[in-house]
């Protein structure tokens, strides 16, 4: 029997990302630009900070008329206010069935 030589390509072994060296760059804290539209709230409604945009009708249902500022028929809310709205509407969904 004769042995056969094959041309095998050696595969690269991937190094797990957790064992790679961490860069020494410090993360810069992002500053909010768009203030929350709910009166009395000091949060920011920027998307990168978890803010959302709700319709004017949704804002009226949760906070009442005049309790927020409207921008292009939308209410910009921070992450905390969005959670309040989401929790308020979660109960409405369950009672429809």
N, C-alpha and C. Protein backbone atom coordinates (compact mmCIF):
# COMPACT_ATOMS: atom_id res chain seq x y z
N UNK A 1 0.81 -1.18 0.00
CA UNK A 1 0.00 0.00 0.00
C UNK A 1 0.86 1.24 0.00
N UNK A 2 0.47 2.14 -0.79
CA UNK A 2 1.21 3.39 -0.82
C UNK A 2 0.42 4.47 -0.09
N UNK A 3 1.13 5.29 0.61
CA UNK A 3 0.43 6.36 1.36
C UNK A 3 0.22 7.56 0.44
N UNK A 4 -0.86 8.16 0.63
CA UNK A 4 -1.20 9.30 -0.21
C UNK A 4 -1.03 10.58 0.57
N UNK A 5 -0.37 11.54 0.01
CA UNK A 5 -0.21 12.85 0.66
C UNK A 5 -1.30 13.78 0.17
N UNK A 6 -1.96 14.42 1.13
CA UNK A 6 -3.00 15.38 0.74
C UNK A 6 -2.57 16.77 1.17
N UNK A 7 -2.98 17.71 0.40
CA UNK A 7 -2.68 19.10 0.72
C UNK A 7 -3.80 19.65 1.59
N UNK A 8 -3.57 19.61 2.85
CA UNK A 8 -4.57 20.15 3.78
C UNK A 8 -4.18 21.57 4.16
N UNK A 9 -5.19 22.39 4.26
CA UNK A 9 -4.98 23.76 4.69
C UNK A 9 -5.27 23.82 6.18
N UNK A 10 -4.32 24.34 6.91
CA UNK A 10 -4.53 24.44 8.34
C UNK A 10 -5.48 25.59 8.63
N UNK A 11 -6.50 25.32 9.42
CA UNK A 11 -7.49 26.34 9.74
C UNK A 11 -7.00 27.22 10.87
N UNK A 12 -7.44 28.47 10.79
CA UNK A 12 -7.11 29.41 11.85
C UNK A 12 -7.98 29.12 13.07
N UNK A 13 -7.38 29.22 14.21
CA UNK A 13 -8.13 29.04 15.44
C UNK A 13 -8.57 30.41 15.92
N UNK A 14 -9.86 30.56 16.14
CA UNK A 14 -10.38 31.85 16.60
C UNK A 14 -10.13 32.01 18.08
N UNK A 15 -9.67 33.18 18.43
CA UNK A 15 -9.43 33.50 19.83
C UNK A 15 -10.74 34.07 20.37
N UNK A 16 -11.24 33.55 21.49
CA UNK A 16 -12.49 34.09 22.06
C UNK A 16 -12.36 35.56 22.38
N UNK A 17 -13.44 36.29 22.15
CA UNK A 17 -13.38 37.74 22.35
C UNK A 17 -13.16 38.11 23.81
N UNK A 18 -13.52 37.22 24.72
CA UNK A 18 -13.32 37.53 26.14
C UNK A 18 -11.85 37.49 26.54
N UNK A 19 -11.04 36.76 25.77
CA UNK A 19 -9.63 36.68 26.15
C UNK A 19 -8.76 37.70 25.41
N UNK A 20 -9.38 38.46 24.51
CA UNK A 20 -8.63 39.52 23.83
C UNK A 20 -8.35 40.64 24.81
N UNK A 21 -7.30 41.37 24.54
CA UNK A 21 -6.95 42.49 25.42
C UNK A 21 -7.98 43.59 25.28
N UNK A 22 -8.36 44.11 26.40
CA UNK A 22 -9.32 45.21 26.41
C UNK A 22 -8.58 46.50 26.06
N UNK A 23 -9.24 47.33 25.31
CA UNK A 23 -8.61 48.60 24.96
C UNK A 23 -8.64 49.53 26.16
N UNK A 24 -7.69 50.40 26.22
CA UNK A 24 -7.58 51.32 27.35
C UNK A 24 -8.45 52.56 27.17
N UNK A 25 -9.26 52.58 26.12
CA UNK A 25 -10.12 53.73 25.89
C UNK A 25 -11.22 53.75 26.94
N UNK A 26 -11.43 54.91 27.50
CA UNK A 26 -12.52 55.07 28.45
C UNK A 26 -13.77 55.43 27.68
N UNK A 27 -14.87 54.83 28.08
CA UNK A 27 -16.13 55.13 27.41
C UNK A 27 -16.58 56.53 27.81
N UNK A 28 -16.93 57.31 26.81
CA UNK A 28 -17.42 58.65 27.09
C UNK A 28 -18.92 58.55 27.38
N UNK A 29 -19.35 59.19 28.42
CA UNK A 29 -20.75 59.15 28.79
C UNK A 29 -21.53 60.04 27.83
N UNK A 30 -22.55 59.47 27.22
CA UNK A 30 -23.33 60.22 26.26
C UNK A 30 -24.29 61.15 26.99
N UNK A 31 -24.39 62.35 26.48
CA UNK A 31 -25.24 63.36 27.07
C UNK A 31 -26.52 63.45 26.25
N UNK A 32 -27.64 63.57 26.93
CA UNK A 32 -28.92 63.67 26.24
C UNK A 32 -29.12 65.04 25.62
N UNK A 33 -29.81 65.06 24.50
CA UNK A 33 -30.09 66.32 23.80
C UNK A 33 -31.57 66.64 23.79
N UNK A 34 -32.42 65.63 23.65
CA UNK A 34 -33.86 65.85 23.55
C UNK A 34 -34.48 65.64 24.93
N UNK A 35 -35.04 66.67 25.54
CA UNK A 35 -35.65 66.49 26.87
C UNK A 35 -36.95 65.70 26.77
N UNK A 36 -37.29 65.02 27.87
CA UNK A 36 -38.53 64.26 27.94
C UNK A 36 -39.71 65.22 27.83
N UNK A 37 -40.73 64.82 27.09
CA UNK A 37 -41.88 65.68 26.85
C UNK A 37 -42.88 65.71 27.98
N UNK A 38 -42.72 64.86 28.99
CA UNK A 38 -43.66 64.82 30.11
C UNK A 38 -43.29 65.93 31.10
N UNK A 39 -44.28 66.73 31.48
CA UNK A 39 -44.03 67.83 32.42
C UNK A 39 -43.60 67.26 33.77
N UNK A 40 -42.55 67.82 34.33
CA UNK A 40 -42.05 67.39 35.63
C UNK A 40 -41.00 66.30 35.55
N UNK A 41 -40.69 65.81 34.37
CA UNK A 41 -39.68 64.77 34.21
C UNK A 41 -38.39 65.42 33.71
N UNK A 42 -37.28 65.05 34.32
CA UNK A 42 -35.99 65.63 33.95
C UNK A 42 -35.16 64.72 33.05
N UNK A 43 -35.74 63.61 32.59
CA UNK A 43 -35.00 62.66 31.76
C UNK A 43 -34.83 63.14 30.33
N UNK A 44 -34.10 62.35 29.56
CA UNK A 44 -33.87 62.66 28.15
C UNK A 44 -34.47 61.58 27.27
N UNK A 45 -35.05 61.99 26.14
CA UNK A 45 -35.77 61.09 25.26
C UNK A 45 -34.95 60.68 24.05
N UNK A 46 -33.63 60.76 24.14
CA UNK A 46 -32.78 60.35 23.02
C UNK A 46 -32.87 58.84 22.84
N UNK A 47 -32.85 58.40 21.59
CA UNK A 47 -32.98 56.97 21.29
C UNK A 47 -31.85 56.16 21.91
N UNK A 48 -30.64 56.67 21.91
CA UNK A 48 -29.51 55.92 22.46
C UNK A 48 -29.57 55.81 23.97
N UNK A 49 -30.46 56.57 24.59
CA UNK A 49 -30.64 56.50 26.04
C UNK A 49 -31.92 55.75 26.40
N UNK A 50 -32.56 55.13 25.43
CA UNK A 50 -33.77 54.34 25.68
C UNK A 50 -35.06 55.11 25.51
N UNK A 51 -34.99 56.33 25.01
CA UNK A 51 -36.19 57.13 24.82
C UNK A 51 -37.00 56.66 23.63
N UNK A 52 -38.29 56.99 23.65
CA UNK A 52 -39.20 56.59 22.58
C UNK A 52 -40.08 57.75 22.17
N UNK A 53 -40.84 57.53 21.13
CA UNK A 53 -41.77 58.53 20.64
C UNK A 53 -43.16 57.90 20.62
N UNK A 54 -44.08 58.47 21.38
CA UNK A 54 -45.44 57.96 21.44
C UNK A 54 -46.37 58.90 20.70
N UNK A 55 -47.51 58.37 20.29
CA UNK A 55 -48.50 59.23 19.63
C UNK A 55 -49.16 60.14 20.66
N UNK A 56 -49.75 61.18 20.18
CA UNK A 56 -50.40 62.15 21.05
C UNK A 56 -51.56 61.50 21.81
N UNK A 57 -52.29 60.59 21.15
CA UNK A 57 -53.42 59.90 21.79
C UNK A 57 -52.94 59.01 22.94
N UNK A 58 -51.82 58.32 22.72
CA UNK A 58 -51.27 57.48 23.78
C UNK A 58 -50.83 58.30 24.98
N UNK A 59 -50.31 59.48 24.73
CA UNK A 59 -49.91 60.37 25.82
C UNK A 59 -51.11 60.86 26.62
N UNK A 60 -52.19 61.17 25.93
CA UNK A 60 -53.40 61.63 26.60
C UNK A 60 -53.99 60.53 27.47
N UNK A 61 -53.99 59.28 26.97
CA UNK A 61 -54.54 58.15 27.72
C UNK A 61 -53.80 57.94 29.04
N UNK A 62 -52.50 58.10 29.03
CA UNK A 62 -51.70 57.80 30.23
C UNK A 62 -51.56 59.00 31.15
N UNK A 63 -51.20 60.17 30.63
CA UNK A 63 -50.88 61.32 31.48
C UNK A 63 -51.96 62.40 31.48
N UNK A 64 -52.93 62.32 30.61
CA UNK A 64 -53.98 63.33 30.54
C UNK A 64 -53.57 64.48 29.62
N UNK A 65 -54.57 65.24 29.21
CA UNK A 65 -54.31 66.32 28.26
C UNK A 65 -53.59 67.48 28.94
N UNK A 66 -52.58 68.00 28.29
CA UNK A 66 -51.84 69.15 28.80
C UNK A 66 -50.71 68.79 29.75
N UNK A 67 -50.48 67.51 29.98
CA UNK A 67 -49.42 67.10 30.91
C UNK A 67 -48.11 66.82 30.19
N UNK A 68 -48.04 67.15 28.90
CA UNK A 68 -46.85 66.88 28.11
C UNK A 68 -46.76 67.87 26.97
N UNK A 69 -45.58 67.92 26.34
CA UNK A 69 -45.40 68.78 25.18
C UNK A 69 -45.37 67.91 23.93
N UNK A 70 -45.96 68.42 22.87
CA UNK A 70 -46.09 67.68 21.62
C UNK A 70 -45.12 68.24 20.60
N UNK A 71 -44.49 67.33 19.86
CA UNK A 71 -43.56 67.71 18.80
C UNK A 71 -43.90 66.88 17.57
N UNK A 72 -44.42 67.51 16.53
CA UNK A 72 -44.82 66.84 15.30
C UNK A 72 -45.84 65.73 15.56
N UNK A 73 -46.86 66.04 16.35
CA UNK A 73 -47.92 65.10 16.73
C UNK A 73 -47.40 63.87 17.46
N UNK A 74 -46.21 63.96 18.02
CA UNK A 74 -45.62 62.86 18.78
C UNK A 74 -45.18 63.40 20.14
N UNK A 75 -45.12 62.51 21.12
CA UNK A 75 -44.66 62.87 22.45
C UNK A 75 -43.36 62.11 22.67
N UNK A 76 -42.27 62.85 22.84
CA UNK A 76 -40.96 62.22 23.09
C UNK A 76 -40.86 61.93 24.58
N UNK A 77 -40.63 60.66 24.94
CA UNK A 77 -40.57 60.29 26.35
C UNK A 77 -39.26 59.58 26.65
N UNK A 78 -38.80 59.73 27.90
CA UNK A 78 -37.59 59.06 28.34
C UNK A 78 -37.90 57.58 28.63
N UNK A 79 -36.88 56.84 28.97
CA UNK A 79 -37.04 55.41 29.22
C UNK A 79 -37.98 55.14 30.40
N UNK A 80 -37.84 55.91 31.46
CA UNK A 80 -38.68 55.72 32.65
C UNK A 80 -40.15 56.00 32.34
N UNK A 81 -40.42 57.07 31.62
CA UNK A 81 -41.80 57.41 31.27
C UNK A 81 -42.37 56.40 30.27
N UNK A 82 -41.54 55.88 29.39
CA UNK A 82 -42.00 54.85 28.45
C UNK A 82 -42.42 53.59 29.21
N UNK A 83 -41.67 53.25 30.26
CA UNK A 83 -42.04 52.08 31.07
C UNK A 83 -43.39 52.30 31.75
N UNK A 84 -43.63 53.52 32.23
CA UNK A 84 -44.92 53.84 32.85
C UNK A 84 -46.04 53.63 31.83
N UNK A 85 -45.85 54.15 30.61
CA UNK A 85 -46.86 54.00 29.56
C UNK A 85 -47.05 52.53 29.20
N UNK A 86 -45.95 51.79 29.08
CA UNK A 86 -46.01 50.38 28.71
C UNK A 86 -46.77 49.58 29.76
N UNK A 87 -46.50 49.85 31.03
CA UNK A 87 -47.17 49.14 32.11
C UNK A 87 -48.66 49.48 32.13
N UNK A 88 -48.98 50.73 31.86
CA UNK A 88 -50.37 51.16 31.82
C UNK A 88 -51.14 50.47 30.70
N UNK A 89 -50.50 50.29 29.55
CA UNK A 89 -51.16 49.66 28.41
C UNK A 89 -51.13 48.14 28.47
N UNK A 90 -50.26 47.57 29.26
CA UNK A 90 -50.20 46.11 29.41
C UNK A 90 -51.51 45.59 30.00
N UNK A 91 -52.06 46.32 30.96
CA UNK A 91 -53.33 45.91 31.57
C UNK A 91 -54.47 45.98 30.57
N UNK A 92 -54.44 46.99 29.68
CA UNK A 92 -55.49 47.13 28.68
C UNK A 92 -55.50 45.98 27.69
N UNK A 93 -54.33 45.48 27.33
CA UNK A 93 -54.23 44.37 26.39
C UNK A 93 -54.86 43.10 26.94
N UNK A 94 -54.62 42.82 28.22
CA UNK A 94 -55.11 41.59 28.82
C UNK A 94 -56.62 41.59 29.00
N UNK A 95 -57.25 42.73 29.13
CA UNK A 95 -58.70 42.79 29.35
C UNK A 95 -59.49 42.73 28.04
N UNK A 96 -58.84 42.83 26.90
CA UNK A 96 -59.56 42.82 25.62
C UNK A 96 -60.10 41.44 25.27
N UNK A 97 -59.49 40.39 25.73
CA UNK A 97 -59.89 39.04 25.31
C UNK A 97 -61.06 38.52 26.05
